[in-house]
Protein backbone atom coordinates (compact mmCIF):
# COMPACT_ATOMS: atom_id res chain seq x y z
CA UNK A 1 -5.39 11.10 -45.87
CA UNK A 2 -4.85 7.79 -47.62
CA UNK A 3 -4.54 4.82 -45.30
CA UNK A 4 -6.02 1.42 -44.67
CA UNK A 5 -9.33 1.23 -42.84
CA UNK A 6 -7.67 -0.32 -39.79
CA UNK A 7 -4.54 1.82 -40.03
CA UNK A 8 -3.63 4.15 -37.21
CA UNK A 9 -1.59 7.30 -37.09
CA UNK A 10 1.05 7.39 -34.33
CA UNK A 11 -0.95 9.91 -32.26
CA UNK A 12 -4.07 7.75 -32.53
CA UNK A 13 -2.11 4.69 -31.40
CA UNK A 14 -0.66 6.65 -28.49
CA UNK A 15 -4.11 7.85 -27.40
CA UNK A 16 -5.43 4.29 -27.51
CA UNK A 17 -2.43 3.10 -25.48
CA UNK A 18 -2.90 5.79 -22.84
CA UNK A 19 -6.65 5.13 -22.76
CA UNK A 20 -6.07 1.42 -22.20
CA UNK A 21 -3.46 2.16 -19.52
CA UNK A 22 -5.90 4.41 -17.67
CA UNK A 23 -8.66 1.80 -18.11
CA UNK A 24 -6.40 -0.83 -16.54
CA UNK A 25 -5.94 1.51 -13.57
CA UNK A 26 -9.69 1.78 -13.04
CA UNK A 27 -10.63 4.84 -15.15
CA UNK A 28 -13.16 3.29 -17.53
CA UNK A 29 -13.85 6.56 -19.37
CA UNK A 30 -11.60 9.62 -19.44
CA UNK A 31 -11.95 13.04 -20.95
CA UNK A 32 -9.68 14.34 -23.69
CA UNK A 33 -7.72 16.81 -21.59
CA UNK A 34 -7.00 14.11 -19.00
CA UNK A 35 -5.67 11.87 -21.80
CA UNK A 36 -3.43 14.69 -22.97
CA UNK A 37 -2.11 15.35 -19.43
CA UNK A 38 -1.34 11.64 -18.96
CA UNK A 39 0.31 11.46 -22.38
CA UNK A 40 2.53 14.44 -21.55
CA UNK A 41 3.40 13.03 -18.12
CA UNK A 42 4.43 9.63 -19.44
CA UNK A 43 6.12 10.50 -22.71
CA UNK A 44 9.77 11.20 -23.38
CA UNK A 45 9.03 12.50 -26.88
CA UNK A 46 9.88 16.16 -27.32
CA UNK A 47 7.04 16.67 -29.82
CA UNK A 48 3.96 17.75 -27.91
CA UNK A 49 0.59 17.40 -29.67
CA UNK A 50 -1.75 20.36 -29.56
CA UNK A 51 -5.16 20.16 -27.96
CA UNK A 52 -6.71 20.45 -31.43
CA UNK A 53 -4.69 17.51 -32.76
CA UNK A 54 -5.71 15.35 -29.79
CA UNK A 55 -9.41 16.13 -30.17
CA UNK A 56 -9.32 15.59 -33.95
CA UNK A 57 -7.61 12.23 -33.41
CA UNK A 58 -10.22 11.28 -30.79
CA UNK A 59 -12.95 12.24 -33.28
CA UNK A 60 -11.43 9.99 -35.95
CA UNK A 61 -11.11 7.13 -33.46
CA UNK A 62 -14.73 7.61 -32.44
CA UNK A 63 -15.94 7.65 -36.07
CA UNK A 64 -14.16 4.36 -36.69
CA UNK A 65 -15.54 2.72 -33.53
CA UNK A 66 -12.20 2.48 -31.72
CA UNK A 67 -13.42 4.68 -28.86
CA UNK A 68 -16.88 5.52 -27.58
CA UNK A 69 -17.52 9.12 -26.64
CA UNK A 70 -20.32 10.31 -24.38
CA UNK A 71 -21.10 13.58 -22.68
CA UNK A 72 -20.80 13.86 -18.94
CA UNK A 73 -24.05 14.02 -16.94
CA UNK A 74 -25.56 17.21 -15.58
CA UNK A 75 -23.38 17.06 -12.45
CA UNK A 76 -20.92 19.28 -14.28
CA UNK A 77 -23.52 22.00 -14.68
CA UNK A 78 -24.26 21.84 -10.96
CA UNK A 79 -20.52 22.23 -10.33
CA UNK A 80 -20.53 25.38 -12.47
CA UNK A 81 -18.42 24.12 -15.35
CA UNK A 82 -19.14 22.92 -18.88
CA UNK A 83 -19.78 19.24 -19.49
CA UNK A 84 -16.83 17.21 -20.75
CA UNK A 85 -16.84 14.46 -23.34
CA UNK A 86 -15.66 11.16 -21.90
CA UNK A 87 -13.94 8.55 -24.06
CA UNK A 88 -13.60 4.81 -23.57
CA UNK A 89 -11.47 2.47 -25.69
CA UNK A 90 -13.57 -0.28 -27.29
CA UNK A 91 -12.62 -3.90 -27.95
CA UNK A 92 -12.14 -2.92 -31.62
CA UNK A 93 -9.77 -0.15 -30.51
CA UNK A 94 -7.80 -2.58 -28.40
CA UNK A 95 -7.58 -5.06 -31.30
CA UNK A 96 -6.49 -2.46 -33.86
CA UNK A 97 -3.83 -1.18 -31.46
CA UNK A 98 -2.51 -4.72 -31.00
CA UNK A 99 -2.25 -5.15 -34.79
CA UNK A 100 -0.58 -1.74 -35.10
CA UNK A 101 2.01 -2.64 -32.47
CA UNK A 102 2.75 -5.97 -34.17
CA UNK A 103 3.36 -4.22 -37.49
CA UNK A 104 5.53 -1.57 -35.84
CA UNK A 105 7.62 -4.28 -34.17
CA UNK A 106 8.44 -5.95 -37.49
CA UNK A 107 11.61 -4.75 -39.18
CA UNK A 108 11.12 -2.95 -42.47
CA UNK A 109 12.09 -5.09 -45.50
CA UNK A 110 14.34 -2.32 -46.77
CA UNK A 111 16.27 -2.32 -43.49
CA UNK A 112 16.67 -6.07 -43.03
CA UNK A 113 20.22 -7.17 -43.75
CA UNK A 114 20.70 -10.39 -45.66
CA UNK A 115 24.14 -11.87 -46.26
CA UNK A 116 25.25 -12.12 -49.89
CA UNK A 117 25.37 -15.57 -51.42
CA UNK A 118 28.87 -16.94 -51.83
């Protein structure tokens, strides 16, 4: 995949957006499946990402420092279920998302209409 260091794929940007939305509502760290459920509940897009695509995107975001991942404490084991990995959007993730949204809001030079000179 050839892209700029700070570039985001649309799914990565969406995950950051949903993560920040959930953070603003008080969920500081959320697990991947919860992000996917929220994404599906709030999207009008007919294309649904697979679980694998979501977790790969979260892994890329974590490698680049845009999210921090940590494993849940042992309370999960006591509850009889596997531990989940929790993700939190970092300040770098918030900043890269802001830049991404600014670029997406700009019209493409090939689409901009300019009147002909008379």
